[in-house]
mmCIF file of all heavy atoms, coordinates in Angstrom:
data_MODEL
# 
_entry.id   MODEL 
# 
loop_
_atom_site.group_PDB 
_atom_site.id 
_atom_site.type_symbol 
_atom_site.label_atom_id 
_atom_site.label_alt_id 
_atom_site.label_comp_id 
_atom_site.label_asym_id 
_atom_site.label_entity_id 
_atom_site.label_seq_id 
_atom_site.pdbx_PDB_ins_code 
_atom_site.Cartn_x 
_atom_site.Cartn_y 
_atom_site.Cartn_z 
_atom_site.occupancy 
_atom_site.B_iso_or_equiv 
_atom_site.pdbx_formal_charge 
_atom_site.auth_seq_id 
_atom_site.auth_comp_id 
_atom_site.auth_asym_id 
_atom_site.auth_atom_id 
_atom_site.pdbx_PDB_model_num 
ATOM 1   N N   . LYS A 1 1  ? 0.844  -1.200  0.000   1.00 0.00 ? 1  LYS A N   1 
ATOM 2   C CA  . LYS A 1 1  ? 0.000  0.000   0.000   1.00 0.00 ? 1  LYS A CA  1 
ATOM 3   C C   . LYS A 1 1  ? 0.881  1.252   0.000   1.00 0.00 ? 1  LYS A C   1 
ATOM 4   O O   . LYS A 1 1  ? 0.661  2.177   -0.788  1.00 0.00 ? 1  LYS A O   1 
ATOM 5   C CB  . LYS A 1 1  ? -0.925 -0.010  1.216   1.00 0.00 ? 1  LYS A CB  1 
ATOM 6   C CG  . LYS A 1 1  ? -1.832 1.189   1.294   1.00 0.00 ? 1  LYS A CG  1 
ATOM 7   C CD  . LYS A 1 1  ? -2.747 1.114   2.510   1.00 0.00 ? 1  LYS A CD  1 
ATOM 8   C CE  . LYS A 1 1  ? -3.612 2.359   2.610   1.00 0.00 ? 1  LYS A CE  1 
ATOM 9   N NZ  . LYS A 1 1  ? -4.458 2.330   3.797   1.00 0.00 ? 1  LYS A NZ  1 
ATOM 10  N N   . LYS A 1 2  ? 1.887  1.274   0.861   1.00 0.00 ? 2  LYS A N   1 
ATOM 11  C CA  . LYS A 1 2  ? 2.794  2.423   0.974   1.00 0.00 ? 2  LYS A CA  1 
ATOM 12  C C   . LYS A 1 2  ? 3.523  2.714   -0.337  1.00 0.00 ? 2  LYS A C   1 
ATOM 13  O O   . LYS A 1 2  ? 3.680  3.871   -0.728  1.00 0.00 ? 2  LYS A O   1 
ATOM 14  C CB  . LYS A 1 2  ? 3.806  2.157   2.090   1.00 0.00 ? 2  LYS A CB  1 
ATOM 15  C CG  . LYS A 1 2  ? 4.856  3.221   2.250   1.00 0.00 ? 2  LYS A CG  1 
ATOM 16  C CD  . LYS A 1 2  ? 5.845  2.839   3.351   1.00 0.00 ? 2  LYS A CD  1 
ATOM 17  C CE  . LYS A 1 2  ? 6.981  3.827   3.440   1.00 0.00 ? 2  LYS A CE  1 
ATOM 18  N NZ  . LYS A 1 2  ? 7.982  3.417   4.452   1.00 0.00 ? 2  LYS A NZ  1 
ATOM 19  N N   . HIS A 1 3  ? 3.970  1.656   -1.021  1.00 0.00 ? 3  HIS A N   1 
ATOM 20  C CA  . HIS A 1 3  ? 4.799  1.825   -2.218  1.00 0.00 ? 3  HIS A CA  1 
ATOM 21  C C   . HIS A 1 3  ? 4.028  1.685   -3.529  1.00 0.00 ? 3  HIS A C   1 
ATOM 22  O O   . HIS A 1 3  ? 4.624  1.786   -4.600  1.00 0.00 ? 3  HIS A O   1 
ATOM 23  C CB  . HIS A 1 3  ? 5.966  0.836   -2.192  1.00 0.00 ? 3  HIS A CB  1 
ATOM 24  C CG  . HIS A 1 3  ? 6.903  1.070   -1.054  1.00 0.00 ? 3  HIS A CG  1 
ATOM 25  N ND1 . HIS A 1 3  ? 7.773  2.131   -1.005  1.00 0.00 ? 3  HIS A ND1 1 
ATOM 26  C CD2 . HIS A 1 3  ? 7.085  0.390   0.105   1.00 0.00 ? 3  HIS A CD2 1 
ATOM 27  C CE1 . HIS A 1 3  ? 8.461  2.083   0.116   1.00 0.00 ? 3  HIS A CE1 1 
ATOM 28  N NE2 . HIS A 1 3  ? 8.062  1.044   0.813   1.00 0.00 ? 3  HIS A NE2 1 
ATOM 29  N N   . GLY A 1 4  ? 2.712  1.438   -3.448  1.00 0.00 ? 4  GLY A N   1 
ATOM 30  C CA  . GLY A 1 4  ? 1.904  1.342   -4.654  1.00 0.00 ? 4  GLY A CA  1 
ATOM 31  C C   . GLY A 1 4  ? 2.204  0.124   -5.502  1.00 0.00 ? 4  GLY A C   1 
ATOM 32  O O   . GLY A 1 4  ? 2.494  0.229   -6.694  1.00 0.00 ? 4  GLY A O   1 
ATOM 33  N N   . ALA A 1 5  ? 2.154  -1.060  -4.880  1.00 0.00 ? 5  ALA A N   1 
ATOM 34  C CA  . ALA A 1 5  ? 2.403  -2.314  -5.587  1.00 0.00 ? 5  ALA A CA  1 
ATOM 35  C C   . ALA A 1 5  ? 1.240  -3.270  -5.342  1.00 0.00 ? 5  ALA A C   1 
ATOM 36  O O   . ALA A 1 5  ? 0.451  -3.070  -4.415  1.00 0.00 ? 5  ALA A O   1 
ATOM 37  C CB  . ALA A 1 5  ? 3.713  -2.938  -5.114  1.00 0.00 ? 5  ALA A CB  1 
ATOM 38  N N   . VAL A 1 6  ? 1.155  -4.299  -6.159  1.00 0.00 ? 6  VAL A N   1 
ATOM 39  C CA  . VAL A 1 6  ? 0.082  -5.283  -6.021  1.00 0.00 ? 6  VAL A CA  1 
ATOM 40  C C   . VAL A 1 6  ? 0.658  -6.689  -5.930  1.00 0.00 ? 6  VAL A C   1 
ATOM 41  O O   . VAL A 1 6  ? 1.776  -6.956  -6.367  1.00 0.00 ? 6  VAL A O   1 
ATOM 42  C CB  . VAL A 1 6  ? -0.933 -5.226  -7.189  1.00 0.00 ? 6  VAL A CB  1 
ATOM 43  C CG1 . VAL A 1 6  ? -1.666 -3.896  -7.201  1.00 0.00 ? 6  VAL A CG1 1 
ATOM 44  C CG2 . VAL A 1 6  ? -0.274 -5.498  -8.531  1.00 0.00 ? 6  VAL A CG2 1 
ATOM 45  N N   . TYR A 1 7  ? -0.158 -7.570  -5.370  1.00 0.00 ? 7  TYR A N   1 
ATOM 46  C CA  . TYR A 1 7  ? 0.142  -9.000  -5.313  1.00 0.00 ? 7  TYR A CA  1 
ATOM 47  C C   . TYR A 1 7  ? -0.926 -9.707  -6.129  1.00 0.00 ? 7  TYR A C   1 
ATOM 48  O O   . TYR A 1 7  ? -2.124 -9.475  -5.928  1.00 0.00 ? 7  TYR A O   1 
ATOM 49  C CB  . TYR A 1 7  ? 0.141  -9.481  -3.861  1.00 0.00 ? 7  TYR A CB  1 
ATOM 50  C CG  . TYR A 1 7  ? 0.190  -10.981 -3.693  1.00 0.00 ? 7  TYR A CG  1 
ATOM 51  C CD1 . TYR A 1 7  ? 1.201  -11.736 -4.287  1.00 0.00 ? 7  TYR A CD1 1 
ATOM 52  C CD2 . TYR A 1 7  ? -0.747 -11.641 -2.926  1.00 0.00 ? 7  TYR A CD2 1 
ATOM 53  C CE1 . TYR A 1 7  ? 1.259  -13.108 -4.118  1.00 0.00 ? 7  TYR A CE1 1 
ATOM 54  C CE2 . TYR A 1 7  ? -0.700 -13.014 -2.745  1.00 0.00 ? 7  TYR A CE2 1 
ATOM 55  C CZ  . TYR A 1 7  ? 0.297  -13.746 -3.347  1.00 0.00 ? 7  TYR A CZ  1 
ATOM 56  O OH  . TYR A 1 7  ? 0.349  -15.104 -3.183  1.00 0.00 ? 7  TYR A OH  1 
ATOM 57  N N   . LEU A 1 8  ? -0.485 -10.530 -7.061  1.00 0.00 ? 8  LEU A N   1 
ATOM 58  C CA  . LEU A 1 8  ? -1.383 -11.245 -7.953  1.00 0.00 ? 8  LEU A CA  1 
ATOM 59  C C   . LEU A 1 8  ? -1.289 -12.737 -7.654  1.00 0.00 ? 8  LEU A C   1 
ATOM 60  O O   . LEU A 1 8  ? -0.188 -13.268 -7.457  1.00 0.00 ? 8  LEU A O   1 
ATOM 61  C CB  . LEU A 1 8  ? -1.000 -10.967 -9.408  1.00 0.00 ? 8  LEU A CB  1 
ATOM 62  C CG  . LEU A 1 8  ? -0.934 -9.477  -9.768  1.00 0.00 ? 8  LEU A CG  1 
ATOM 63  C CD1 . LEU A 1 8  ? -0.300 -9.288  -11.142 1.00 0.00 ? 8  LEU A CD1 1 
ATOM 64  C CD2 . LEU A 1 8  ? -2.319 -8.854  -9.716  1.00 0.00 ? 8  LEU A CD2 1 
ATOM 65  N N   . CYS A 1 9  ? -2.426 -13.405 -7.624  1.00 0.00 ? 9  CYS A N   1 
ATOM 66  C CA  . CYS A 1 9  ? -2.462 -14.823 -7.284  1.00 0.00 ? 9  CYS A CA  1 
ATOM 67  C C   . CYS A 1 9  ? -2.662 -15.679 -8.525  1.00 0.00 ? 9  CYS A C   1 
ATOM 68  O O   . CYS A 1 9  ? -3.574 -15.431 -9.322  1.00 0.00 ? 9  CYS A O   1 
ATOM 69  C CB  . CYS A 1 9  ? -3.600 -15.102 -6.309  1.00 0.00 ? 9  CYS A CB  1 
ATOM 70  S SG  . CYS A 1 9  ? -3.452 -14.202 -4.757  1.00 0.00 ? 9  CYS A SG  1 
ATOM 71  N N   . ALA A 1 10 ? -1.794 -16.675 -8.665  1.00 0.00 ? 10 ALA A N   1 
ATOM 72  C CA  . ALA A 1 10 ? -1.923 -17.671 -9.720  1.00 0.00 ? 10 ALA A CA  1 
ATOM 73  C C   . ALA A 1 10 ? -2.561 -18.916 -9.100  1.00 0.00 ? 10 ALA A C   1 
ATOM 74  O O   . ALA A 1 10 ? -2.449 -19.144 -7.895  1.00 0.00 ? 10 ALA A O   1 
ATOM 75  C CB  . ALA A 1 10 ? -0.557 -18.004 -10.306 1.00 0.00 ? 10 ALA A CB  1 
ATOM 76  N N   . MET A 1 11 ? -3.207 -19.696 -9.916  1.00 0.00 ? 11 MET A N   1 
ATOM 77  C CA  . MET A 1 11 ? -3.893 -20.884 -9.424  1.00 0.00 ? 11 MET A CA  1 
ATOM 78  C C   . MET A 1 11 ? -2.897 -21.990 -9.127  1.00 0.00 ? 11 MET A C   1 
ATOM 79  O O   . MET A 1 11 ? -2.185 -22.454 -10.024 1.00 0.00 ? 11 MET A O   1 
ATOM 80  C CB  . MET A 1 11 ? -4.909 -21.366 -10.451 1.00 0.00 ? 11 MET A CB  1 
ATOM 81  C CG  . MET A 1 11 ? -5.724 -22.553 -9.963  1.00 0.00 ? 11 MET A CG  1 
ATOM 82  S SD  . MET A 1 11 ? -6.865 -23.188 -11.205 1.00 0.00 ? 11 MET A SD  1 
ATOM 83  C CE  . MET A 1 11 ? -7.828 -21.752 -11.562 1.00 0.00 ? 11 MET A CE  1 
ATOM 84  N N   . GLY A 1 12 ? -2.841 -22.396 -7.869  1.00 0.00 ? 12 GLY A N   1 
ATOM 85  C CA  . GLY A 1 12 ? -1.999 -23.516 -7.491  1.00 0.00 ? 12 GLY A CA  1 
ATOM 86  C C   . GLY A 1 12 ? -2.544 -24.802 -8.086  1.00 0.00 ? 12 GLY A C   1 
ATOM 87  O O   . GLY A 1 12 ? -3.757 -24.952 -8.246  1.00 0.00 ? 12 GLY A O   1 
ATOM 88  N N   . GLY A 1 13 ? -1.656 -25.721 -8.445  1.00 0.00 ? 13 GLY A N   1 
ATOM 89  C CA  . GLY A 1 13 ? -2.076 -26.996 -9.002  1.00 0.00 ? 13 GLY A CA  1 
ATOM 90  C C   . GLY A 1 13 ? -2.394 -26.952 -10.486 1.00 0.00 ? 13 GLY A C   1 
ATOM 91  O O   . GLY A 1 13 ? -2.845 -27.942 -11.052 1.00 0.00 ? 13 GLY A O   1 
ATOM 92  N N   . ALA A 1 14 ? -2.187 -25.803 -11.115 1.00 0.00 ? 14 ALA A N   1 
ATOM 93  C CA  . ALA A 1 14 ? -2.500 -25.656 -12.541 1.00 0.00 ? 14 ALA A CA  1 
ATOM 94  C C   . ALA A 1 14 ? -1.259 -25.246 -13.323 1.00 0.00 ? 14 ALA A C   1 
ATOM 95  O O   . ALA A 1 14 ? -1.317 -24.415 -14.213 1.00 0.00 ? 14 ALA A O   1 
ATOM 96  C CB  . ALA A 1 14 ? -3.623 -24.643 -12.717 1.00 0.00 ? 14 ALA A CB  1 
ATOM 97  N N   . GLY A 1 15 ? -0.122 -25.852 -12.990 1.00 0.00 ? 15 GLY A N   1 
ATOM 98  C CA  . GLY A 1 15 ? 1.146  -25.489 -13.612 1.00 0.00 ? 15 GLY A CA  1 
ATOM 99  C C   . GLY A 1 15 ? 1.188  -25.700 -15.111 1.00 0.00 ? 15 GLY A C   1 
ATOM 100 O O   . GLY A 1 15 ? 1.836  -24.944 -15.834 1.00 0.00 ? 15 GLY A O   1 
ATOM 101 N N   . ALA A 1 16 ? 0.469  -26.721 -15.601 1.00 0.00 ? 16 ALA A N   1 
ATOM 102 C CA  . ALA A 1 16 ? 0.453  -26.963 -17.051 1.00 0.00 ? 16 ALA A CA  1 
ATOM 103 C C   . ALA A 1 16 ? -0.318 -25.864 -17.777 1.00 0.00 ? 16 ALA A C   1 
ATOM 104 O O   . ALA A 1 16 ? 0.076  -25.427 -18.860 1.00 0.00 ? 16 ALA A O   1 
ATOM 105 C CB  . ALA A 1 16 ? -0.153 -28.328 -17.354 1.00 0.00 ? 16 ALA A CB  1 
ATOM 106 N N   . ILE A 1 17 ? -1.398 -25.410 -17.172 1.00 0.00 ? 17 ILE A N   1 
ATOM 107 C CA  . ILE A 1 17 ? -2.169 -24.301 -17.763 1.00 0.00 ? 17 ILE A CA  1 
ATOM 108 C C   . ILE A 1 17 ? -1.314 -23.038 -17.765 1.00 0.00 ? 17 ILE A C   1 
ATOM 109 O O   . ILE A 1 17 ? -1.249 -22.325 -18.769 1.00 0.00 ? 17 ILE A O   1 
ATOM 110 C CB  . ILE A 1 17 ? -3.493 -24.075 -17.005 1.00 0.00 ? 17 ILE A CB  1 
ATOM 111 C CG1 . ILE A 1 17 ? -4.407 -25.283 -17.206 1.00 0.00 ? 17 ILE A CG1 1 
ATOM 112 C CG2 . ILE A 1 17 ? -4.169 -22.784 -17.454 1.00 0.00 ? 17 ILE A CG2 1 
ATOM 113 C CD1 . ILE A 1 17 ? -5.633 -25.287 -16.320 1.00 0.00 ? 17 ILE A CD1 1 
ATOM 114 N N   . ALA A 1 18 ? -0.639 -22.775 -16.661 1.00 0.00 ? 18 ALA A N   1 
ATOM 115 C CA  . ALA A 1 18 ? 0.237  -21.606 -16.584 1.00 0.00 ? 18 ALA A CA  1 
ATOM 116 C C   . ALA A 1 18 ? 1.301  -21.668 -17.675 1.00 0.00 ? 18 ALA A C   1 
ATOM 117 O O   . ALA A 1 18 ? 1.574  -20.666 -18.351 1.00 0.00 ? 18 ALA A O   1 
ATOM 118 C CB  . ALA A 1 18 ? 0.883  -21.522 -15.207 1.00 0.00 ? 18 ALA A CB  1 
ATOM 119 N N   . ALA A 1 19 ? 1.881  -22.838 -17.882 1.00 0.00 ? 19 ALA A N   1 
ATOM 120 C CA  . ALA A 1 19 ? 2.938  -22.993 -18.887 1.00 0.00 ? 19 ALA A CA  1 
ATOM 121 C C   . ALA A 1 19 ? 2.445  -22.644 -20.288 1.00 0.00 ? 19 ALA A C   1 
ATOM 122 O O   . ALA A 1 19 ? 3.204  -22.107 -21.096 1.00 0.00 ? 19 ALA A O   1 
ATOM 123 C CB  . ALA A 1 19 ? 3.483  -24.416 -18.860 1.00 0.00 ? 19 ALA A CB  1 
ATOM 124 N N   . SER A 1 20 ? 1.183  -22.907 -20.555 1.00 0.00 ? 20 SER A N   1 
ATOM 125 C CA  . SER A 1 20 ? 0.649  -22.614 -21.893 1.00 0.00 ? 20 SER A CA  1 
ATOM 126 C C   . SER A 1 20 ? 0.555  -21.110 -22.159 1.00 0.00 ? 20 SER A C   1 
ATOM 127 O O   . SER A 1 20 ? 0.426  -20.699 -23.310 1.00 0.00 ? 20 SER A O   1 
ATOM 128 C CB  . SER A 1 20 ? -0.721 -23.270 -22.083 1.00 0.00 ? 20 SER A CB  1 
ATOM 129 O OG  . SER A 1 20 ? -1.710 -22.612 -21.300 1.00 0.00 ? 20 SER A OG  1 
ATOM 130 N N   . CYS A 1 21 ? 0.648  -20.293 -21.118 1.00 0.00 ? 21 CYS A N   1 
ATOM 131 C CA  . CYS A 1 21 ? 0.582  -18.833 -21.244 1.00 0.00 ? 21 CYS A CA  1 
ATOM 132 C C   . CYS A 1 21 ? 1.968  -18.193 -21.269 1.00 0.00 ? 21 CYS A C   1 
ATOM 133 O O   . CYS A 1 21 ? 2.078  -16.970 -21.319 1.00 0.00 ? 21 CYS A O   1 
ATOM 134 C CB  . CYS A 1 21 ? -0.228 -18.241 -20.102 1.00 0.00 ? 21 CYS A CB  1 
ATOM 135 S SG  . CYS A 1 21 ? -1.937 -18.790 -20.053 1.00 0.00 ? 21 CYS A SG  1 
ATOM 136 N N   . ILE A 1 22 ? 3.010  -18.996 -21.198 1.00 0.00 ? 22 ILE A N   1 
ATOM 137 C CA  . ILE A 1 22 ? 4.380  -18.480 -21.206 1.00 0.00 ? 22 ILE A CA  1 
ATOM 138 C C   . ILE A 1 22 ? 4.977  -18.763 -22.575 1.00 0.00 ? 22 ILE A C   1 
ATOM 139 O O   . ILE A 1 22 ? 5.117  -19.912 -22.983 1.00 0.00 ? 22 ILE A O   1 
ATOM 140 C CB  . ILE A 1 22 ? 5.212  -19.102 -20.074 1.00 0.00 ? 22 ILE A CB  1 
ATOM 141 C CG1 . ILE A 1 22 ? 4.569  -18.748 -18.719 1.00 0.00 ? 22 ILE A CG1 1 
ATOM 142 C CG2 . ILE A 1 22 ? 6.660  -18.616 -20.145 1.00 0.00 ? 22 ILE A CG2 1 
ATOM 143 C CD1 . ILE A 1 22 ? 5.177  -19.446 -17.533 1.00 0.00 ? 22 ILE A CD1 1 
ATOM 144 N N   . LYS A 1 23 ? 5.300  -17.694 -23.288 1.00 0.00 ? 23 LYS A N   1 
ATOM 145 C CA  . LYS A 1 23 ? 5.709  -17.813 -24.685 1.00 0.00 ? 23 LYS A CA  1 
ATOM 146 C C   . LYS A 1 23 ? 7.214  -17.906 -24.889 1.00 0.00 ? 23 LYS A C   1 
ATOM 147 O O   . LYS A 1 23 ? 7.673  -18.418 -25.898 1.00 0.00 ? 23 LYS A O   1 
ATOM 148 C CB  . LYS A 1 23 ? 5.131  -16.649 -25.500 1.00 0.00 ? 23 LYS A CB  1 
ATOM 149 C CG  . LYS A 1 23 ? 3.607  -16.622 -25.445 1.00 0.00 ? 23 LYS A CG  1 
ATOM 150 C CD  . LYS A 1 23 ? 3.022  -17.970 -25.851 1.00 0.00 ? 23 LYS A CD  1 
ATOM 151 C CE  . LYS A 1 23 ? 1.546  -18.084 -25.613 1.00 0.00 ? 23 LYS A CE  1 
ATOM 152 N NZ  . LYS A 1 23 ? 1.019  -19.409 -25.778 1.00 0.00 ? 23 LYS A NZ  1 
ATOM 153 N N   . SER A 1 24 ? 7.996  -17.384 -23.945 1.00 0.00 ? 24 SER A N   1 
ATOM 154 C CA  . SER A 1 24 ? 9.443  -17.537 -24.043 1.00 0.00 ? 24 SER A CA  1 
ATOM 155 C C   . SER A 1 24 ? 10.056 -17.469 -22.658 1.00 0.00 ? 24 SER A C   1 
ATOM 156 O O   . SER A 1 24 ? 9.487  -16.866 -21.746 1.00 0.00 ? 24 SER A O   1 
ATOM 157 C CB  . SER A 1 24 ? 10.063 -16.473 -24.955 1.00 0.00 ? 24 SER A CB  1 
ATOM 158 O OG  . SER A 1 24 ? 9.976  -15.196 -24.378 1.00 0.00 ? 24 SER A OG  1 
ATOM 159 N N   . VAL A 1 25 ? 11.210 -18.115 -22.520 1.00 0.00 ? 25 VAL A N   1 
ATOM 160 C CA  . VAL A 1 25 ? 11.924 -18.179 -21.249 1.00 0.00 ? 25 VAL A CA  1 
ATOM 161 C C   . VAL A 1 25 ? 13.418 -18.090 -21.536 1.00 0.00 ? 25 VAL A C   1 
ATOM 162 O O   . VAL A 1 25 ? 13.923 -18.753 -22.439 1.00 0.00 ? 25 VAL A O   1 
ATOM 163 C CB  . VAL A 1 25 ? 11.643 -19.505 -20.504 1.00 0.00 ? 25 VAL A CB  1 
ATOM 164 C CG1 . VAL A 1 25 ? 12.432 -19.570 -19.208 1.00 0.00 ? 25 VAL A CG1 1 
ATOM 165 C CG2 . VAL A 1 25 ? 10.165 -19.677 -20.242 1.00 0.00 ? 25 VAL A CG2 1 
ATOM 166 N N   . GLU A 1 26 ? 14.102 -17.267 -20.737 1.00 0.00 ? 26 GLU A N   1 
ATOM 167 C CA  . GLU A 1 26 ? 15.549 -17.133 -20.864 1.00 0.00 ? 26 GLU A CA  1 
ATOM 168 C C   . GLU A 1 26 ? 16.150 -17.068 -19.467 1.00 0.00 ? 26 GLU A C   1 
ATOM 169 O O   . GLU A 1 26 ? 15.751 -16.239 -18.646 1.00 0.00 ? 26 GLU A O   1 
ATOM 170 C CB  . GLU A 1 26 ? 15.875 -15.840 -21.621 1.00 0.00 ? 26 GLU A CB  1 
ATOM 171 C CG  . GLU A 1 26 ? 17.326 -15.497 -21.676 1.00 0.00 ? 26 GLU A CG  1 
ATOM 172 C CD  . GLU A 1 26 ? 17.586 -14.091 -22.205 1.00 0.00 ? 26 GLU A CD  1 
ATOM 173 O OE1 . GLU A 1 26 ? 16.630 -13.346 -22.507 1.00 0.00 ? 26 GLU A OE1 1 
ATOM 174 O OE2 . GLU A 1 26 ? 18.771 -13.739 -22.302 1.00 0.00 ? 26 GLU A OE2 1 
ATOM 175 N N   . VAL A 1 27 ? 17.085 -17.969 -19.161 1.00 0.00 ? 27 VAL A N   1 
ATOM 176 C CA  . VAL A 1 27 ? 17.797 -17.895 -17.884 1.00 0.00 ? 27 VAL A CA  1 
ATOM 177 C C   . VAL A 1 27 ? 18.709 -16.678 -17.962 1.00 0.00 ? 27 VAL A C   1 
ATOM 178 O O   . VAL A 1 27 ? 19.507 -16.552 -18.888 1.00 0.00 ? 27 VAL A O   1 
ATOM 179 C CB  . VAL A 1 27 ? 18.616 -19.175 -17.619 1.00 0.00 ? 27 VAL A CB  1 
ATOM 180 C CG1 . VAL A 1 27 ? 19.466 -19.019 -16.356 1.00 0.00 ? 27 VAL A CG1 1 
ATOM 181 C CG2 . VAL A 1 27 ? 17.693 -20.382 -17.491 1.00 0.00 ? 27 VAL A CG2 1 
# 
């Protein structure tokens, strides 16, 4: 609240669905 940031929740147990929304990854 002080710094103007948010916390967003992803659905636990749905890692495969999450992966389908990730288009590129770079270490």
